[in-house]
Amino acid sequence: MIQHPITMAGPDEDAGDPAVVVATRPKTKRPPLYKVLLLNDDYTPMEFVVAVLERFFGMSHAQAFEIMLTVHKKGLAVVGVFSHEIAETKVAQVMDFARRHQHPLQCTMEKE
């Protein structure tokens, strides 16, 4: 009985061999992102909006002040972009905080 040594084909050898299995990874789709928006109103103090941006969105005082001015002048501003769960949590936190402090501040989310 003649035995043949088992060899691995090099990159140029037997490239079309149907016995060679190529492992492929399924491409995973990135989850959709959601914009969190703050809406302007005529009652919530500007200082409160700045405090919300610092507390819930990790902004510096200067960043929070700039975003607050955008909300005040344009009527709304995007304050962050997150996965669905995180965006939902941020909206709930802001709305609860505003209610507890008796401010009508509105925070919403929309798909990016």
PDB file of N, CA and C in Angstrom:
ATOM      1  N   MET A   1       0.842  -1.158   0.000  1.00  0.00           N
ATOM      2  CA  MET A   1       0.000   0.000   0.000  1.00  0.00           C
ATOM      3  C   MET A   1       0.895   1.231   0.000  1.00  0.00           C
ATOM      4  N   ILE A   2       0.581   2.208  -0.903  1.00  0.00           N
ATOM      5  CA  ILE A   2       1.368   3.433  -1.018  1.00  0.00           C
ATOM      6  C   ILE A   2       0.615   4.537  -0.285  1.00  0.00           C
ATOM      7  N   GLN A   3       1.310   5.218   0.574  1.00  0.00           N
ATOM      8  CA  GLN A   3       0.697   6.342   1.293  1.00  0.00           C
ATOM      9  C   GLN A   3       1.218   7.646   0.718  1.00  0.00           C
ATOM     10  N   HIS A   4       0.314   8.584   0.532  1.00  0.00           N
ATOM     11  CA  HIS A   4       0.693   9.907   0.056  1.00  0.00           C
ATOM     12  C   HIS A   4       0.698  10.861   1.243  1.00  0.00           C
ATOM     13  N   PRO A   5       1.721  11.690   1.317  1.00  0.00           N
ATOM     14  CA  PRO A   5       1.727  12.656   2.423  1.00  0.00           C
ATOM     15  C   PRO A   5       0.603  13.677   2.241  1.00  0.00           C
ATOM     16  N   ILE A   6       0.041  14.117   3.340  1.00  0.00           N
ATOM     17  CA  ILE A   6      -1.002  15.141   3.301  1.00  0.00           C
ATOM     18  C   ILE A   6      -0.305  16.491   3.290  1.00  0.00           C
ATOM     19  N   THR A   7      -0.639  17.308   2.304  1.00  0.00           N
ATOM     20  CA  THR A   7      -0.022  18.632   2.203  1.00  0.00           C
ATOM     21  C   THR A   7      -1.106  19.687   2.120  1.00  0.00           C
ATOM     22  N   MET A   8      -0.774  20.869   2.573  1.00  0.00           N
ATOM     23  CA  MET A   8      -1.677  22.011   2.482  1.00  0.00           C
ATOM     24  C   MET A   8      -1.358  22.728   1.177  1.00  0.00           C
ATOM     25  N   ALA A   9      -2.357  23.094   0.439  1.00  0.00           N
ATOM     26  CA  ALA A   9      -2.131  23.812  -0.814  1.00  0.00           C
ATOM     27  C   ALA A   9      -1.702  25.229  -0.502  1.00  0.00           C
ATOM     28  N   GLY A  10      -0.781  25.722  -1.269  1.00  0.00           N
ATOM     29  CA  GLY A  10      -0.330  27.100  -1.117  1.00  0.00           C
ATOM     30  C   GLY A  10      -1.360  28.045  -1.700  1.00  0.00           C
ATOM     31  N   PRO A  11      -1.116  29.355  -1.646  1.00  0.00           N
ATOM     32  CA  PRO A  11      -2.104  30.318  -2.117  1.00  0.00           C
ATOM     33  C   PRO A  11      -2.399  30.192  -3.607  1.00  0.00           C
ATOM     34  N   ASP A  12      -1.471  29.676  -4.401  1.00  0.00           N
ATOM     35  CA  ASP A  12      -1.686  29.571  -5.841  1.00  0.00           C
ATOM     36  C   ASP A  12      -2.091  28.165  -6.278  1.00  0.00           C
ATOM     37  N   GLU A  13      -2.032  27.204  -5.390  1.00  0.00           N
ATOM     38  CA  GLU A  13      -2.287  25.818  -5.759  1.00  0.00           C
ATOM     39  C   GLU A  13      -3.714  25.423  -5.426  1.00  0.00           C
ATOM     40  N   ASP A  14      -4.350  24.715  -6.312  1.00  0.00           N
ATOM     41  CA  ASP A  14      -5.680  24.140  -6.109  1.00  0.00           C
ATOM     42  C   ASP A  14      -6.707  25.159  -5.616  1.00  0.00           C
ATOM     43  N   ALA A  15      -6.652  26.360  -6.128  1.00  0.00           N
ATOM     44  CA  ALA A  15      -7.575  27.404  -5.691  1.00  0.00           C
ATOM     45  C   ALA A  15      -9.021  27.057  -6.036  1.00  0.00           C
ATOM     46  N   GLY A  16      -9.227  26.264  -7.075  1.00  0.00           N
ATOM     47  CA  GLY A  16     -10.577  25.934  -7.482  1.00  0.00           C
ATOM     48  C   GLY A  16     -11.068  24.615  -6.921  1.00  0.00           C
ATOM     49  N   ASP A  17     -10.366  23.997  -6.009  1.00  0.00           N
ATOM     50  CA  ASP A  17     -10.732  22.708  -5.440  1.00  0.00           C
ATOM     51  C   ASP A  17     -12.052  22.833  -4.683  1.00  0.00           C
ATOM     52  N   PRO A  18     -13.084  22.102  -5.093  1.00  0.00           N
ATOM     53  CA  PRO A  18     -14.373  22.213  -4.412  1.00  0.00           C
ATOM     54  C   PRO A  18     -14.348  21.657  -2.990  1.00  0.00           C
ATOM     55  N   ALA A  19     -13.318  20.920  -2.628  1.00  0.00           N
ATOM     56  CA  ALA A  19     -13.252  20.359  -1.280  1.00  0.00           C
ATOM     57  C   ALA A  19     -12.770  21.396  -0.259  1.00  0.00           C
ATOM     58  N   VAL A  20     -12.248  22.523  -0.750  1.00  0.00           N
ATOM     59  CA  VAL A  20     -11.748  23.558   0.160  1.00  0.00           C
ATOM     60  C   VAL A  20     -12.929  24.376   0.648  1.00  0.00           C
ATOM     61  N   VAL A  21     -13.083  24.450   1.956  1.00  0.00           N
ATOM     62  CA  VAL A  21     -14.177  25.197   2.552  1.00  0.00           C
ATOM     63  C   VAL A  21     -13.635  26.536   3.041  1.00  0.00           C
ATOM     64  N   VAL A  22     -14.296  27.595   2.617  1.00  0.00           N
ATOM     65  CA  VAL A  22     -13.883  28.934   3.046  1.00  0.00           C
ATOM     66  C   VAL A  22     -14.903  29.418   4.069  1.00  0.00           C
ATOM     67  N   ALA A  23     -14.411  29.723   5.242  1.00  0.00           N
ATOM     68  CA  ALA A  23     -15.306  30.209   6.286  1.00  0.00           C
ATOM     69  C   ALA A  23     -15.637  31.674   6.027  1.00  0.00           C
ATOM     70  N   THR A  24     -16.918  31.987   6.004  1.00  0.00           N
ATOM     71  CA  THR A  24     -17.330  33.376   5.827  1.00  0.00           C
ATOM     72  C   THR A  24     -18.118  33.812   7.043  1.00  0.00           C
ATOM     73  N   ARG A  25     -17.957  35.074   7.360  1.00  0.00           N
ATOM     74  CA  ARG A  25     -18.707  35.631   8.481  1.00  0.00           C
ATOM     75  C   ARG A  25     -19.932  36.344   7.932  1.00  0.00           C
ATOM     76  N   PRO A  26     -21.072  36.123   8.548  1.00  0.00           N
ATOM     77  CA  PRO A  26     -22.243  36.864   8.084  1.00  0.00           C
ATOM     78  C   PRO A  26     -22.057  38.345   8.433  1.00  0.00           C
ATOM     79  N   LYS A  27     -22.432  39.199   7.507  1.00  0.00           N
ATOM     80  CA  LYS A  27     -22.291  40.632   7.765  1.00  0.00           C
ATOM     81  C   LYS A  27     -23.419  41.066   8.681  1.00  0.00           C
ATOM     82  N   THR A  28     -23.053  41.644   9.803  1.00  0.00           N
ATOM     83  CA  THR A  28     -24.068  42.127  10.722  1.00  0.00           C
ATOM     84  C   THR A  28     -24.351  43.586  10.416  1.00  0.00           C
ATOM     85  N   LYS A  29     -25.600  43.910  10.448  1.00  0.00           N
ATOM     86  CA  LYS A  29     -26.035  45.266  10.148  1.00  0.00           C
ATOM     87  C   LYS A  29     -25.967  46.093  11.434  1.00  0.00           C
ATOM     88  N   ARG A  30     -25.472  47.301  11.311  1.00  0.00           N
ATOM     89  CA  ARG A  30     -25.424  48.172  12.485  1.00  0.00           C
ATOM     90  C   ARG A  30     -26.845  48.565  12.876  1.00  0.00           C
ATOM     91  N   PRO A  31     -27.105  48.618  14.182  1.00  0.00           N
ATOM     92  CA  PRO A  31     -28.453  49.022  14.598  1.00  0.00           C
ATOM     93  C   PRO A  31     -28.688  50.487  14.231  1.00  0.00           C
ATOM     94  N   PRO A  32     -29.932  50.850  13.958  1.00  0.00           N
ATOM     95  CA  PRO A  32     -30.209  52.243  13.602  1.00  0.00           C
ATOM     96  C   PRO A  32     -29.939  53.166  14.793  1.00  0.00           C
ATOM     97  N   LEU A  33     -29.550  54.381  14.495  1.00  0.00           N
ATOM     98  CA  LEU A  33     -29.288  55.366  15.540  1.00  0.00           C
ATOM     99  C   LEU A  33     -30.447  56.354  15.609  1.00  0.00           C
ATOM    100  N   TYR A  34     -30.587  56.952  16.777  1.00  0.00           N
ATOM    101  CA  TYR A  34     -31.689  57.874  17.027  1.00  0.00           C
ATOM    102  C   TYR A  34     -31.147  59.190  17.575  1.00  0.00           C
ATOM    103  N   LYS A  35     -31.688  60.285  17.030  1.00  0.00           N
ATOM    104  CA  LYS A  35     -31.330  61.622  17.498  1.00  0.00           C
ATOM    105  C   LYS A  35     -32.218  61.961  18.680  1.00  0.00           C
ATOM    106  N   VAL A  36     -31.613  62.503  19.722  1.00  0.00           N
ATOM    107  CA  VAL A  36     -32.374  63.005  20.865  1.00  0.00           C
ATOM    108  C   VAL A  36     -32.447  64.519  20.698  1.00  0.00           C
ATOM    109  N   LEU A  37     -33.675  65.043  20.743  1.00  0.00           N
ATOM    110  CA  LEU A  37     -33.917  66.469  20.505  1.00  0.00           C
ATOM    111  C   LEU A  37     -34.508  67.141  21.736  1.00  0.00           C
ATOM    112  N   LEU A  38     -34.064  68.357  22.007  1.00  0.00           N
ATOM    113  CA  LEU A  38     -34.697  69.199  23.015  1.00  0.00           C
ATOM    114  C   LEU A  38     -35.508  70.245  22.277  1.00  0.00           C
ATOM    115  N   LEU A  39     -36.720  70.504  22.763  1.00  0.00           N
ATOM    116  CA  LEU A  39     -37.615  71.462  22.133  1.00  0.00           C
ATOM    117  C   LEU A  39     -37.754  72.703  23.010  1.00  0.00           C
ATOM    118  N   ASN A  40     -37.837  73.839  22.363  1.00  0.00           N
ATOM    119  CA  ASN A  40     -37.969  75.100  23.084  1.00  0.00           C
ATOM    120  C   ASN A  40     -39.389  75.280  23.612  1.00  0.00           C
ATOM    121  N   ASP A  41     -39.498  75.961  24.731  1.00  0.00           N
ATOM    122  CA  ASP A  41     -40.793  76.401  25.242  1.00  0.00           C
ATOM    123  C   ASP A  41     -40.567  77.779  25.879  1.00  0.00           C
ATOM    124  N   ASP A  42     -41.628  78.440  26.219  1.00  0.00           N
ATOM    125  CA  ASP A  42     -41.511  79.808  26.759  1.00  0.00           C
ATOM    126  C   ASP A  42     -41.430  79.857  28.275  1.00  0.00           C
ATOM    127  N   TYR A  43     -41.320  78.712  28.922  1.00  0.00           N
ATOM    128  CA  TYR A  43     -41.393  78.693  30.382  1.00  0.00           C
ATOM    129  C   TYR A  43     -40.166  78.118  31.080  1.00  0.00           C
ATOM    130  N   THR A  44     -39.523  77.130  30.495  1.00  0.00           N
ATOM    131  CA  THR A  44     -38.381  76.496  31.144  1.00  0.00           C
ATOM    132  C   THR A  44     -37.200  77.464  31.168  1.00  0.00           C
ATOM    133  N   PRO A  45     -36.635  77.714  32.356  1.00  0.00           N
ATOM    134  CA  PRO A  45     -35.486  78.631  32.441  1.00  0.00           C
ATOM    135  C   PRO A  45     -34.275  78.089  31.685  1.00  0.00           C
ATOM    136  N   MET A  46     -33.529  79.001  31.090  1.00  0.00           N
ATOM    137  CA  MET A  46     -32.333  78.622  30.334  1.00  0.00           C
ATOM    138  C   MET A  46     -31.335  77.885  31.213  1.00  0.00           C
ATOM    139  N   GLU A  47     -31.220  78.287  32.454  1.00  0.00           N
ATOM    140  CA  GLU A  47     -30.273  77.651  33.384  1.00  0.00           C
ATOM    141  C   GLU A  47     -30.641  76.190  33.614  1.00  0.00           C
ATOM    142  N   PHE A  48     -31.943  75.909  33.642  1.00  0.00           N
ATOM    143  CA  PHE A  48     -32.390  74.532  33.834  1.00  0.00           C
ATOM    144  C   PHE A  48     -32.005  73.674  32.628  1.00  0.00           C
ATOM    145  N   VAL A  49     -32.160  74.222  31.430  1.00  0.00           N
ATOM    146  CA  VAL A  49     -31.791  73.494  30.210  1.00  0.00           C
ATOM    147  C   VAL A  49     -30.293  73.202  30.213  1.00  0.00           C
ATOM    148  N   VAL A  50     -29.486  74.179  30.615  1.00  0.00           N
ATOM    149  CA  VAL A  50     -28.035  73.976  30.703  1.00  0.00           C
ATOM    150  C   VAL A  50     -27.729  72.858  31.695  1.00  0.00           C
ATOM    151  N   ALA A  51     -28.397  72.868  32.839  1.00  0.00           N
ATOM    152  CA  ALA A  51     -28.177  71.825  33.855  1.00  0.00           C
ATOM    153  C   ALA A  51     -28.551  70.443  33.323  1.00  0.00           C
ATOM    154  N   VAL A  52     -29.643  70.351  32.560  1.00  0.00           N
ATOM    155  CA  VAL A  52     -30.072  69.075  31.965  1.00  0.00           C
ATOM    156  C   VAL A  52     -29.002  68.562  30.998  1.00  0.00           C
ATOM    157  N   LEU A  53     -28.492  69.443  30.159  1.00  0.00           N
ATOM    158  CA  LEU A  53     -27.484  69.040  29.171  1.00  0.00           C
ATOM    159  C   LEU A  53     -26.193  68.579  29.838  1.00  0.00           C
ATOM    160  N   GLU A  54     -25.816  69.251  30.906  1.00  0.00           N
ATOM    161  CA  GLU A  54     -24.606  68.845  31.637  1.00  0.00           C
ATOM    162  C   GLU A  54     -24.827  67.505  32.328  1.00  0.00           C
ATOM    163  N   ARG A  55     -25.964  67.370  32.982  1.00  0.00           N
ATOM    164  CA  ARG A  55     -26.234  66.177  33.791  1.00  0.00           C
ATOM    165  C   ARG A  55     -26.490  64.916  32.961  1.00  0.00           C
ATOM    166  N   PHE A  56     -27.327  65.010  31.942  1.00  0.00           N
ATOM    167  CA  PHE A  56     -27.750  63.810  31.215  1.00  0.00           C
ATOM    168  C   PHE A  56     -26.984  63.547  29.924  1.00  0.00           C
ATOM    169  N   PHE A  57     -26.271  64.563  29.439  1.00  0.00           N
ATOM    170  CA  PHE A  57     -25.553  64.379  28.177  1.00  0.00           C
ATOM    171  C   PHE A  57     -24.053  64.617  28.315  1.00  0.00           C
ATOM    172  N   GLY A  58     -23.582  64.811  29.543  1.00  0.00           N
ATOM    173  CA  GLY A  58     -22.151  64.908  29.819  1.00  0.00           C
ATOM    174  C   GLY A  58     -21.456  66.091  29.160  1.00  0.00           C
ATOM    175  N   MET A  59     -22.194  67.151  28.904  1.00  0.00           N
ATOM    176  CA  MET A  59     -21.592  68.314  28.250  1.00  0.00           C
ATOM    177  C   MET A  59     -20.914  69.226  29.255  1.00  0.00           C
ATOM    178  N   SER A  60     -19.906  69.922  28.773  1.00  0.00           N
ATOM    179  CA  SER A  60     -19.288  70.963  29.602  1.00  0.00           C
ATOM    180  C   SER A  60     -20.286  72.121  29.691  1.00  0.00           C
ATOM    181  N   HIS A  61     -20.023  73.041  30.602  1.00  0.00           N
ATOM    182  CA  HIS A  61     -20.919  74.190  30.749  1.00  0.00           C
ATOM    183  C   HIS A  61     -20.984  74.993  29.442  1.00  0.00           C
ATOM    184  N   ALA A  62     -19.829  75.176  28.799  1.00  0.00           N
ATOM    185  CA  ALA A  62     -19.775  75.955  27.555  1.00  0.00           C
ATOM    186  C   ALA A  62     -20.567  75.261  26.436  1.00  0.00           C
ATOM    187  N   GLN A  63     -20.399  73.936  26.304  1.00  0.00           N
ATOM    188  CA  GLN A  63     -21.145  73.187  25.282  1.00  0.00           C
ATOM    189  C   GLN A  63     -22.647  73.267  25.552  1.00  0.00           C
ATOM    190  N   ALA A  64     -23.020  73.062  26.810  1.00  0.00           N
ATOM    191  CA  ALA A  64     -24.431  73.086  27.192  1.00  0.00           C
ATOM    192  C   ALA A  64     -25.040  74.459  26.926  1.00  0.00           C
ATOM    193  N   PHE A  65     -24.288  75.506  27.195  1.00  0.00           N
ATOM    194  CA  PHE A  65     -24.781  76.861  26.969  1.00  0.00           C
ATOM    195  C   PHE A  65     -25.026  77.098  25.480  1.00  0.00           C
ATOM    196  N   GLU A  66     -24.106  76.634  24.638  1.00  0.00           N
ATOM    197  CA  GLU A  66     -24.253  76.795  23.180  1.00  0.00           C
ATOM    198  C   GLU A  66     -25.485  76.050  22.669  1.00  0.00           C
ATOM    199  N   ILE A  67     -25.669  74.817  23.116  1.00  0.00           N
ATOM    200  CA  ILE A  67     -26.832  74.028  22.682  1.00  0.00           C
ATOM    201  C   ILE A  67     -28.121  74.675  23.177  1.00  0.00           C
ATOM    202  N   MET A  68     -28.116  75.160  24.422  1.00  0.00           N
ATOM    203  CA  MET A  68     -29.301  75.829  24.973  1.00  0.00           C
ATOM    204  C   MET A  68     -29.667  77.037  24.110  1.00  0.00           C
ATOM    205  N   LEU A  69     -28.668  77.815  23.667  1.00  0.00           N
ATOM    206  CA  LEU A  69     -28.945  78.967  22.809  1.00  0.00           C
ATOM    207  C   LEU A  69     -29.524  78.531  21.460  1.00  0.00           C
ATOM    208  N   THR A  70     -29.032  77.421  20.936  1.00  0.00           N
ATOM    209  CA  THR A  70     -29.573  76.890  19.678  1.00  0.00           C
ATOM    210  C   THR A  70     -31.038  76.511  19.857  1.00  0.00           C
ATOM    211  N   VAL A  71     -31.350  75.828  20.959  1.00  0.00           N
ATOM    212  CA  VAL A  71     -32.741  75.450  21.251  1.00  0.00           C
ATOM    213  C   VAL A  71     -33.591  76.713  21.355  1.00  0.00           C
ATOM    214  N   HIS A  72     -33.087  77.716  22.051  1.00  0.00           N
ATOM    215  CA  HIS A  72     -33.828  78.963  22.276  1.00  0.00           C
ATOM    216  C   HIS A  72     -34.080  79.702  20.961  1.00  0.00           C
ATOM    217  N   LYS A  73     -33.062  79.774  20.100  1.00  0.00           N
ATOM    218  CA  LYS A  73     -33.172  80.555  18.860  1.00  0.00           C
ATOM    219  C   LYS A  73     -33.869  79.801  17.729  1.00  0.00           C
ATOM    220  N   LYS A  74     -33.600  78.503  17.604  1.00  0.00           N
ATOM    221  CA  LYS A  74     -34.127  77.739  16.466  1.00  0.00           C
ATOM    222  C   LYS A  74     -35.348  76.889  16.801  1.00  0.00           C
ATOM    223  N   GLY A  75     -35.658  76.758  18.086  1.00  0.00           N
ATOM    224  CA  GLY A  75     -36.831  75.986  18.476  1.00  0.00           C
ATOM    225  C   GLY A  75     -36.544  74.556  18.878  1.00  0.00           C
ATOM    226  N   LEU A  76     -35.409  74.028  18.431  1.00  0.00           N
ATOM    227  CA  LEU A  76     -35.008  72.679  18.826  1.00  0.00           C
ATOM    228  C   LEU A  76     -33.543  72.483  18.476  1.00  0.00           C
ATOM    229  N   ALA A  77     -32.952  71.455  19.068  1.00  0.00           N
ATOM    230  CA  ALA A  77     -31.567  71.094  18.754  1.00  0.00           C
ATOM    231  C   ALA A  77     -31.356  69.618  19.043  1.00  0.00           C
ATOM    232  N   VAL A  78     -30.484  69.011  18.245  1.00  0.00           N
ATOM    233  CA  VAL A  78     -30.068  67.636  18.502  1.00  0.00           C
ATOM    234  C   VAL A  78     -29.037  67.683  19.620  1.00  0.00           C
ATOM    235  N   VAL A  79     -29.280  66.931  20.676  1.00  0.00           N
ATOM    236  CA  VAL A  79     -28.363  66.941  21.820  1.00  0.00           C
ATOM    237  C   VAL A  79     -27.537  65.664  21.918  1.00  0.00           C
ATOM    238  N   GLY A  80     -27.815  64.700  21.044  1.00  0.00           N
ATOM    239  CA  GLY A  80     -27.028  63.476  21.015  1.00  0.00           C
ATOM    240  C   GLY A  80     -27.623  62.476  20.046  1.00  0.00           C
ATOM    241  N   VAL A  81     -26.802  61.503  19.651  1.00  0.00           N
ATOM    242  CA  VAL A  81     -27.240  60.425  18.762  1.00  0.00           C
ATOM    243  C   VAL A  81     -26.844  59.113  19.431  1.00  0.00           C
ATOM    244  N   PHE A  82     -27.829  58.235  19.610  1.00  0.00           N
ATOM    245  CA  PHE A  82     -27.631  57.022  20.399  1.00  0.00           C
ATOM    246  C   PHE A  82     -28.370  55.842  19.780  1.00  0.00           C
ATOM    247  N   SER A  83     -28.089  54.652  20.326  1.00  0.00           N
ATOM    248  CA  SER A  83     -28.885  53.478  19.974  1.00  0.00           C
ATOM    249  C   SER A  83     -30.299  53.703  20.517  1.00  0.00           C
ATOM    250  N   HIS A  84     -31.251  52.909  20.044  1.00  0.00           N
ATOM    251  CA  HIS A  84     -32.654  53.095  20.446  1.00  0.00           C
ATOM    252  C   HIS A  84     -32.828  53.063  21.960  1.00  0.00           C
ATOM    253  N   GLU A  85     -32.240  52.078  22.611  1.00  0.00           N
ATOM    254  CA  GLU A  85     -32.429  51.917  24.055  1.00  0.00           C
ATOM    255  C   GLU A  85     -31.857  53.097  24.834  1.00  0.00           C
ATOM    256  N   ILE A  86     -30.688  53.544  24.449  1.00  0.00           N
ATOM    257  CA  ILE A  86     -30.055  54.655  25.166  1.00  0.00           C
ATOM    258  C   ILE A  86     -30.826  55.941  24.911  1.00  0.00           C
ATOM    259  N   ALA A  87     -31.240  56.176  23.667  1.00  0.00           N
ATOM    260  CA  ALA A  87     -32.015  57.377  23.343  1.00  0.00           C
ATOM    261  C   ALA A  87     -33.315  57.397  24.143  1.00  0.00           C
ATOM    262  N   GLU A  88     -33.972  56.253  24.204  1.00  0.00           N
ATOM    263  CA  GLU A  88     -35.229  56.139  24.945  1.00  0.00           C
ATOM    264  C   GLU A  88     -35.019  56.453  26.428  1.00  0.00           C
ATOM    265  N   THR A  89     -33.933  55.939  26.980  1.00  0.00           N
ATOM    266  CA  THR A  89     -33.611  56.190  28.387  1.00  0.00           C
ATOM    267  C   THR A  89     -33.330  57.662  28.636  1.00  0.00           C
ATOM    268  N   LYS A  90     -32.544  58.286  27.753  1.00  0.00           N
ATOM    269  CA  LYS A  90     -32.216  59.716  27.903  1.00  0.00           C
ATOM    270  C   LYS A  90     -33.494  60.558  27.869  1.00  0.00           C
ATOM    271  N   VAL A  91     -34.375  60.273  26.910  1.00  0.00           N
ATOM    272  CA  VAL A  91     -35.634  61.018  26.808  1.00  0.00           C
ATOM    273  C   VAL A  91     -36.436  60.865  28.096  1.00  0.00           C
ATOM    274  N   ALA A  92     -36.555  59.653  28.591  1.00  0.00           N
ATOM    275  CA  ALA A  92     -37.314  59.405  29.819  1.00  0.00           C
ATOM    276  C   ALA A  92     -36.694  60.128  31.008  1.00  0.00           C
ATOM    277  N   GLN A  93     -35.365  60.101  31.119  1.00  0.00           N
ATOM    278  CA  GLN A  93     -34.685  60.776  32.226  1.00  0.00           C
ATOM    279  C   GLN A  93     -34.934  62.281  32.197  1.00  0.00           C
ATOM    280  N   VAL A  94     -34.793  62.876  31.020  1.00  0.00           N
ATOM    281  CA  VAL A  94     -34.984  64.327  30.892  1.00  0.00           C
ATOM    282  C   VAL A  94     -36.432  64.704  31.200  1.00  0.00           C
ATOM    283  N   MET A  95     -37.372  63.955  30.642  1.00  0.00           N
ATOM    284  CA  MET A  95     -38.790  64.266  30.862  1.00  0.00           C
ATOM    285  C   MET A  95     -39.170  64.117  32.342  1.00  0.00           C
ATOM    286  N   ASP A  96     -38.663  63.073  32.981  1.00  0.00           N
ATOM    287  CA  ASP A  96     -38.949  62.859  34.401  1.00  0.00           C
ATOM    288  C   ASP A  96     -38.339  63.972  35.250  1.00  0.00           C
ATOM    289  N   PHE A  97     -37.097  64.327  34.946  1.00  0.00           N
ATOM    290  CA  PHE A  97     -36.400  65.392  35.680  1.00  0.00           C
ATOM    291  C   PHE A  97     -37.141  66.717  35.521  1.00  0.00           C
ATOM    292  N   ALA A  98     -37.569  67.039  34.308  1.00  0.00           N
ATOM    293  CA  ALA A  98     -38.297  68.285  34.058  1.00  0.00           C
ATOM    294  C   ALA A  98     -39.629  68.295  34.817  1.00  0.00           C
ATOM    295  N   ARG A  99     -40.346  67.178  34.776  1.00  0.00           N
ATOM    296  CA  ARG A  99     -41.625  67.096  35.492  1.00  0.00           C
ATOM    297  C   ARG A  99     -41.436  67.277  36.993  1.00  0.00           C
ATOM    298  N   ARG A 100     -40.392  66.602  37.534  1.00  0.00           N
ATOM    299  CA  ARG A 100     -40.149  66.712  38.973  1.00  0.00           C
ATOM    300  C   ARG A 100     -39.813  68.141  39.386  1.00  0.00           C
ATOM    301  N   HIS A 101     -39.261  68.908  38.460  1.00  0.00           N
ATOM    302  CA  HIS A 101     -38.931  70.307  38.756  1.00  0.00           C
ATOM    303  C   HIS A 101     -39.992  71.263  38.202  1.00  0.00           C
ATOM    304  N   GLN A 102     -41.116  70.703  37.802  1.00  0.00           N
ATOM    305  CA  GLN A 102     -42.284  71.445  37.324  1.00  0.00           C
ATOM    306  C   GLN A 102     -41.971  72.370  36.150  1.00  0.00           C
ATOM    307  N   HIS A 103     -41.211  71.832  35.189  1.00  0.00           N
ATOM    308  CA  HIS A 103     -40.916  72.559  33.955  1.00  0.00           C
ATOM    309  C   HIS A 103     -41.521  71.792  32.787  1.00  0.00           C
ATOM    310  N   PRO A 104     -42.024  72.495  31.777  1.00  0.00           N
ATOM    311  CA  PRO A 104     -42.643  71.824  30.625  1.00  0.00           C
ATOM    312  C   PRO A 104     -41.657  71.425  29.525  1.00  0.00           C
ATOM    313  N   LEU A 105     -40.369  71.345  29.842  1.00  0.00           N
ATOM    314  CA  LEU A 105     -39.349  71.005  28.854  1.00  0.00           C
ATOM    315  C   LEU A 105     -39.706  69.697  28.151  1.00  0.00           C
ATOM    316  N   GLN A 106     -39.600  69.695  26.821  1.00  0.00           N
ATOM    317  CA  GLN A 106     -39.912  68.510  26.032  1.00  0.00           C
ATOM    318  C   GLN A 106     -38.640  67.954  25.401  1.00  0.00           C
ATOM    319  N   CYS A 107     -38.528  66.645  25.438  1.00  0.00           N
ATOM    320  CA  CYS A 107     -37.399  65.942  24.849  1.00  0.00           C
ATOM    321  C   CYS A 107     -37.982  64.794  24.041  1.00  0.00           C
ATOM    322  N   THR A 108     -37.529  64.655  22.795  1.00  0.00           N
ATOM    323  CA  THR A 108     -38.035  63.599  21.934  1.00  0.00           C
ATOM    324  C   THR A 108     -36.884  62.892  21.242  1.00  0.00           C
ATOM    325  N   MET A 109     -37.221  61.845  20.505  1.00  0.00           N
ATOM    326  CA  MET A 109     -36.204  61.145  19.716  1.00  0.00           C
ATOM    327  C   MET A 109     -36.780  60.825  18.353  1.00  0.00           C
ATOM    328  N   GLU A 110     -35.901  60.766  17.369  1.00  0.00           N
ATOM    329  CA  GLU A 110     -36.316  60.367  16.021  1.00  0.00           C
ATOM    330  C   GLU A 110     -35.195  59.615  15.360  1.00  0.00           C
ATOM    331  N   LYS A 111     -35.583  58.714  14.464  1.00  0.00           N
ATOM    332  CA  LYS A 111     -34.593  57.894  13.760  1.00  0.00           C
ATOM    333  C   LYS A 111     -33.711  58.791  12.891  1.00  0.00           C
ATOM    334  N   GLU A 112     -32.413  58.486  12.910  1.00  0.00           N
ATOM    335  CA  GLU A 112     -31.478  59.288  12.133  1.00  0.00           C
ATOM    336  C   GLU A 112     -31.567  58.968  10.662  1.00  0.00           C
TER     337      GLU A 112
END
